[in-house]
C-alpha cells in the first residue's frame, strides 16, 4: 500500500477537509459524525459542545477513530485510531485552538475571498457563545495512503484482470 510521503501528509493535514469521527455508544455500537479538526505537533484537536452526543460519548469512552479523505488537491486517506482527552473551561483555555479551527475552515481564502478575517471573527464570536469544549486525539495508529498511486490489493487487481 503506497504510504503518503511525509511532505505530502503535512500538506494534506493543512487542508480544510471534513473528517468523520467514530465514537462508541454506551452499548458499544459505533457512532459517526462529520467534524472539523486541527493537526498540531502530532495530535489532532477536535471542537464540539458539551451537549453534542459525540462529545458525551468521548467523555464516557475516549476510544475513537478519525477518517479524513479527500480527492483534491491531494487524493488521499488518513485514518487515526486513538484516545481523545477532553478539555473544558475554566481549567483549560480552549479559545486559542478553537480560533485556529475557525481560521482553518472559515478562513484560508475560501469562496474566492483572499481576506476572510471578518468572517472568521464573526464565526469565532458565535463559537464563544456556545458551551464549547476541545478534545485532543492522541494517535495510537495512523494510516496515510496516497490515493494517487494506490492500485488496490493484489487480489483485487487479479480479480479485475480475470473479468
Protein backbone atom coordinates (compact mmCIF):
# COMPACT_ATOMS: atom_id res chain seq x y z
CA UNK A 1 0.00 0.00 0.00
CA UNK A 2 1.54 3.34 -1.01
CA UNK A 3 2.12 5.35 2.11
CA UNK A 4 1.84 9.07 1.88
CA UNK A 5 5.24 10.79 1.85
CA UNK A 6 5.78 12.95 4.97
CA UNK A 7 5.74 16.19 2.97
CA UNK A 8 2.51 15.18 1.20
CA UNK A 9 0.96 14.16 4.53
CA UNK A 10 1.83 17.51 6.08
CA UNK A 11 0.25 19.35 3.13
CA UNK A 12 -2.83 17.09 3.30
CA UNK A 13 -3.28 17.77 7.03
CA UNK A 14 -3.17 21.54 6.48
CA UNK A 15 -6.17 21.41 4.12
CA UNK A 16 -9.68 22.06 5.49
CA UNK A 17 -11.04 18.56 4.83
CA UNK A 18 -14.03 17.49 6.87
CA UNK A 19 -13.33 14.29 8.79
CA UNK A 20 -15.62 11.58 10.05
CA UNK A 21 -15.23 10.75 13.72
CA UNK A 22 -16.28 7.34 15.01
CA UNK A 23 -17.03 7.22 18.73
CA UNK A 24 -18.69 4.48 20.75
CA UNK A 25 -22.22 4.45 22.11
CA UNK A 26 -22.67 3.10 25.64
CA UNK A 27 -23.85 -0.22 24.19
CA UNK A 28 -20.62 -0.45 22.14
CA UNK A 29 -22.10 0.31 18.72
CA UNK A 30 -20.15 2.85 16.64
CA UNK A 31 -21.47 6.35 16.05
CA UNK A 32 -20.13 8.54 13.23
CA UNK A 33 -20.31 12.28 12.73
CA UNK A 34 -18.59 14.78 10.40
CA UNK A 35 -16.31 17.18 12.27
CA UNK A 36 -13.69 19.88 11.92
CA UNK A 37 -10.19 19.10 13.17
CA UNK A 38 -6.83 20.75 13.52
CA UNK A 39 -3.48 18.94 13.42
CA UNK A 40 -0.66 20.36 15.52
CA UNK A 41 2.56 18.78 16.72
CA UNK A 42 1.43 15.18 16.17
CA UNK A 43 -2.02 15.44 17.77
CA UNK A 44 -5.46 16.21 16.40
CA UNK A 45 -7.71 18.79 18.04
CA UNK A 46 -11.49 18.45 17.69
CA UNK A 47 -14.07 21.01 18.76
CA UNK A 48 -17.59 20.39 19.91
CA UNK A 49 -20.11 21.44 22.52
CA UNK A 50 -20.88 19.79 25.83
CA UNK A 51 -24.40 18.91 24.69
CA UNK A 52 -23.42 17.08 21.48
CA UNK A 53 -23.85 13.32 21.58
CA UNK A 54 -20.37 12.51 20.29
CA UNK A 55 -18.80 14.76 22.92
CA UNK A 56 -20.70 12.96 25.67
CA UNK A 57 -19.68 9.61 24.19
CA UNK A 58 -15.99 10.56 24.14
CA UNK A 59 -16.18 11.70 27.74
CA UNK A 60 -17.66 8.32 28.70
CA UNK A 61 -15.35 6.22 26.47
CA UNK A 62 -12.46 8.15 24.87
CA UNK A 63 -11.57 5.49 22.27
CA UNK A 64 -12.25 6.73 18.76
CA UNK A 65 -11.22 6.79 15.12
CA UNK A 66 -10.88 9.70 12.74
CA UNK A 67 -11.17 9.27 8.97
CA UNK A 68 -10.00 12.08 6.67
CA UNK A 69 -10.47 11.59 2.94
CA UNK A 70 -10.19 13.95 0.02
CA UNK A 71 -9.91 13.96 -3.75
CA UNK A 72 -8.30 17.38 -4.12
CA UNK A 73 -5.85 19.00 -4.00
CA UNK A 74 -4.24 15.70 -2.95
CA UNK A 75 -6.25 12.49 -3.26
CA UNK A 76 -5.63 10.71 -0.01
CA UNK A 77 -6.88 8.92 3.06
CA UNK A 78 -5.67 9.39 6.61
CA UNK A 79 -7.07 7.19 9.35
CA UNK A 80 -6.29 7.67 13.02
CA UNK A 81 -7.18 5.40 15.93
CA UNK A 82 -6.58 6.66 19.42
CA UNK A 83 -7.85 8.12 22.65
CA UNK A 84 -9.42 11.57 22.97
CA UNK A 85 -8.71 13.69 26.05
CA UNK A 86 -11.40 16.28 26.88
CA UNK A 87 -10.60 19.88 27.75
CA UNK A 88 -13.10 22.30 29.28
CA UNK A 89 -13.18 25.84 30.55
CA UNK A 90 -12.09 27.16 33.01
CA UNK A 91 -9.40 24.52 33.66
CA UNK A 92 -8.10 24.83 30.09
CA UNK A 93 -8.17 27.84 27.78
CA UNK A 94 -9.87 26.29 24.74
CA UNK A 95 -10.08 29.50 22.73
CA UNK A 96 -6.65 29.68 21.02
CA UNK A 97 -7.08 26.23 19.44
CA UNK A 98 -10.76 26.88 18.71
CA UNK A 99 -9.74 30.05 16.88
CA UNK A 100 -7.27 28.05 14.77
CA UNK A 101 -10.09 25.69 13.81
CA UNK A 102 -12.25 28.64 12.73
CA UNK A 103 -9.34 30.06 10.72
CA UNK A 104 -8.74 26.71 9.02
CA UNK A 105 -12.35 26.17 7.95
CA UNK A 106 -13.77 29.67 7.57
CA UNK A 107 -10.55 31.47 6.59
CA UNK A 108 -7.91 30.40 4.09
CA UNK A 109 -9.37 32.38 1.20
CA UNK A 110 -12.44 30.15 0.91
CA UNK A 111 -15.10 31.21 -1.56
CA UNK A 112 -12.52 33.17 -3.56
CA UNK A 113 -12.08 35.82 -0.84
CA UNK A 114 -8.42 36.46 -0.09
CA UNK A 115 -9.03 38.07 3.32
CA UNK A 116 -11.69 36.22 5.25
CA UNK A 117 -10.71 37.66 8.64
CA UNK A 118 -14.09 39.35 9.18
CA UNK A 119 -15.92 36.09 8.52
CA UNK A 120 -13.54 34.26 10.87
CA UNK A 121 -14.08 36.90 13.57
CA UNK A 122 -17.85 36.63 13.24
CA UNK A 123 -17.84 32.83 13.26
CA UNK A 124 -15.44 32.68 16.21
CA UNK A 125 -17.57 35.17 18.17
CA UNK A 126 -20.55 32.87 17.68
CA UNK A 127 -18.50 29.86 18.82
CA UNK A 128 -17.74 31.72 22.06
CA UNK A 129 -21.47 31.90 22.86
CA UNK A 130 -21.75 28.09 22.90
CA UNK A 131 -20.77 25.61 25.65
CA UNK A 132 -17.59 24.72 23.75
CA UNK A 133 -15.04 22.10 24.58
CA UNK A 134 -12.00 20.56 22.91
CA UNK A 135 -10.69 17.06 22.51
CA UNK A 136 -7.07 16.22 21.91
CA UNK A 137 -6.87 12.99 19.92
CA UNK A 138 -3.59 11.26 20.55
CA UNK A 139 -2.93 8.84 17.67
CA UNK A 140 -2.10 5.25 18.59
CA UNK A 141 -2.32 4.08 14.97
CA UNK A 142 -2.09 6.22 11.84
CA UNK A 143 -2.71 5.13 8.26
CA UNK A 144 -1.87 7.60 5.49
CA UNK A 145 -2.49 6.45 1.92
CA UNK A 146 -1.64 8.41 -1.21
CA UNK A 147 -4.63 7.53 -3.38
CA UNK A 148 -2.96 8.99 -6.48
CA UNK A 149 -0.73 5.91 -6.65
CA UNK A 150 -2.86 3.30 -4.85
CA UNK A 151 -3.88 0.47 -7.17
CA UNK A 152 -5.74 -1.71 -4.68
CA UNK A 153 -4.78 -5.03 -3.15
CA UNK A 154 -3.17 -7.62 -5.42
CA UNK A 155 -6.17 -9.94 -5.06
CA UNK A 156 -8.47 -7.12 -6.19
CA UNK A 157 -6.28 -6.38 -9.21
CA UNK A 158 -6.12 -10.09 -10.12
CA UNK A 159 -9.91 -10.34 -9.88
CA UNK A 160 -10.39 -7.31 -12.14
CA UNK A 161 -7.98 -8.74 -14.73
CA UNK A 162 -9.94 -12.04 -14.84
CA UNK A 163 -13.22 -10.28 -15.66
